[in-house]
């Protein structure tokens, strides 16, 4: 007669996933390394002064005849040679 021998019962439980090894991270670009100088941020170049628009008046009579007088500093055609009192307003008197 055959008598089976007892076999231990094995219970399998799910194995939790293995934690991945942390990867070596590149150094933060914003943090300077020891012995490294920080470079100053490049400043944008200033915008060029606007062109005078091609207007040129040889004298205040010409500016008045063109209907452009008085001329204010920054206006097309303004120049210090037309501003007698250097107040930023040229050809202000008629």
Protein backbone atom coordinates (compact mmCIF):
# COMPACT_ATOMS: atom_id res chain seq x y z
CA UNK A 1 0.00 0.00 0.00
CA UNK A 2 1.17 3.40 -0.88
CA UNK A 3 1.03 6.18 1.72
CA UNK A 4 1.83 9.64 0.44
CA UNK A 5 4.34 11.60 2.43
CA UNK A 6 3.18 14.95 3.59
CA UNK A 7 4.56 17.84 1.56
CA UNK A 8 4.80 21.27 3.16
CA UNK A 9 2.41 23.80 1.67
CA UNK A 10 4.16 26.83 0.18
CA UNK A 11 2.18 30.05 0.04
CA UNK A 12 3.38 32.57 -2.49
CA UNK A 13 2.67 36.23 -1.85
CA UNK A 14 3.22 38.99 -4.36
CA UNK A 15 6.64 40.56 -4.11
CA UNK A 16 6.61 44.35 -3.89
CA UNK A 17 8.34 45.99 -6.83
CA UNK A 18 11.98 46.76 -6.23
CA UNK A 19 12.83 50.40 -5.69
CA UNK A 20 15.00 51.66 -8.52
CA UNK A 21 18.42 52.89 -7.62
CA UNK A 22 18.53 56.69 -7.61
CA UNK A 23 20.31 57.90 -10.71
CA UNK A 24 23.21 60.25 -10.45
CA UNK A 25 21.82 63.68 -11.18
CA UNK A 26 23.64 66.35 -13.11
CA UNK A 27 24.65 69.32 -10.96
CA UNK A 28 22.13 72.13 -10.94
CA UNK A 29 23.10 74.64 -13.62
CA UNK A 30 21.95 77.52 -11.39
CA UNK A 31 24.19 76.47 -8.50
CA UNK A 32 27.84 77.32 -9.10
CA UNK A 33 30.41 74.64 -8.48
CA UNK A 34 33.12 75.26 -5.93
CA UNK A 35 35.86 77.35 -7.49
CA UNK A 36 33.69 78.44 -10.39
CA UNK A 37 32.83 82.10 -10.84
CA UNK A 38 29.29 83.09 -11.62
CA UNK A 39 28.91 84.84 -14.92
CA UNK A 40 26.89 88.02 -14.86
CA UNK A 41 23.71 87.90 -16.89
CA UNK A 42 24.22 89.56 -20.24
CA UNK A 43 22.52 92.94 -20.25
CA UNK A 44 20.45 93.70 -23.33
CA UNK A 45 21.85 96.39 -25.57
CA UNK A 46 20.02 99.72 -25.32
CA UNK A 47 17.67 100.46 -28.17
CA UNK A 48 19.08 102.94 -30.69
CA UNK A 49 17.80 106.47 -30.63
CA UNK A 50 14.93 106.95 -33.05
CA UNK A 51 15.86 108.62 -36.29
CA UNK A 52 14.70 112.18 -36.75
CA UNK A 53 12.36 110.96 -39.47
CA UNK A 54 14.34 112.77 -42.15
CA UNK A 55 12.91 116.18 -41.22
CA UNK A 56 15.46 118.97 -41.27
CA UNK A 57 14.72 122.64 -40.96
CA UNK A 58 17.61 125.01 -41.67
CA UNK A 59 15.91 127.66 -39.56
CA UNK A 60 12.73 128.38 -37.62
CA UNK A 61 11.14 130.18 -40.57
CA UNK A 62 11.33 126.93 -42.54
CA UNK A 63 9.88 124.97 -39.60
CA UNK A 64 7.00 127.46 -39.31
CA UNK A 65 6.39 127.38 -43.08
CA UNK A 66 6.14 123.57 -42.86
CA UNK A 67 3.67 123.88 -39.97
CA UNK A 68 6.03 122.02 -37.64
CA UNK A 69 6.81 124.81 -35.15
CA UNK A 70 7.18 124.68 -32.23
CA UNK A 71 9.51 121.68 -32.22
CA UNK A 72 9.95 119.73 -28.98
CA UNK A 73 13.04 117.72 -28.03
CA UNK A 74 12.55 114.26 -29.55
CA UNK A 75 10.33 115.53 -32.39
CA UNK A 76 11.49 114.97 -35.97
CA UNK A 77 13.45 118.04 -37.05
CA UNK A 78 14.29 119.25 -33.53
CA UNK A 79 17.90 120.20 -33.02
CA UNK A 80 19.64 122.29 -30.42
CA UNK A 81 20.66 124.87 -33.05
CA UNK A 82 17.00 125.89 -33.34
CA UNK A 83 16.46 126.05 -29.56
CA UNK A 84 17.85 129.44 -28.53
CA UNK A 85 17.18 129.14 -24.80
CA UNK A 86 17.93 125.39 -24.54
CA UNK A 87 14.62 124.59 -22.85
CA UNK A 88 13.76 121.66 -25.14
CA UNK A 89 11.36 123.70 -27.29
CA UNK A 90 12.69 125.08 -30.57
CA UNK A 91 11.08 127.80 -32.70
CA UNK A 92 8.60 128.64 -29.95
CA UNK A 93 8.32 132.33 -30.84
CA UNK A 94 6.80 133.68 -33.99
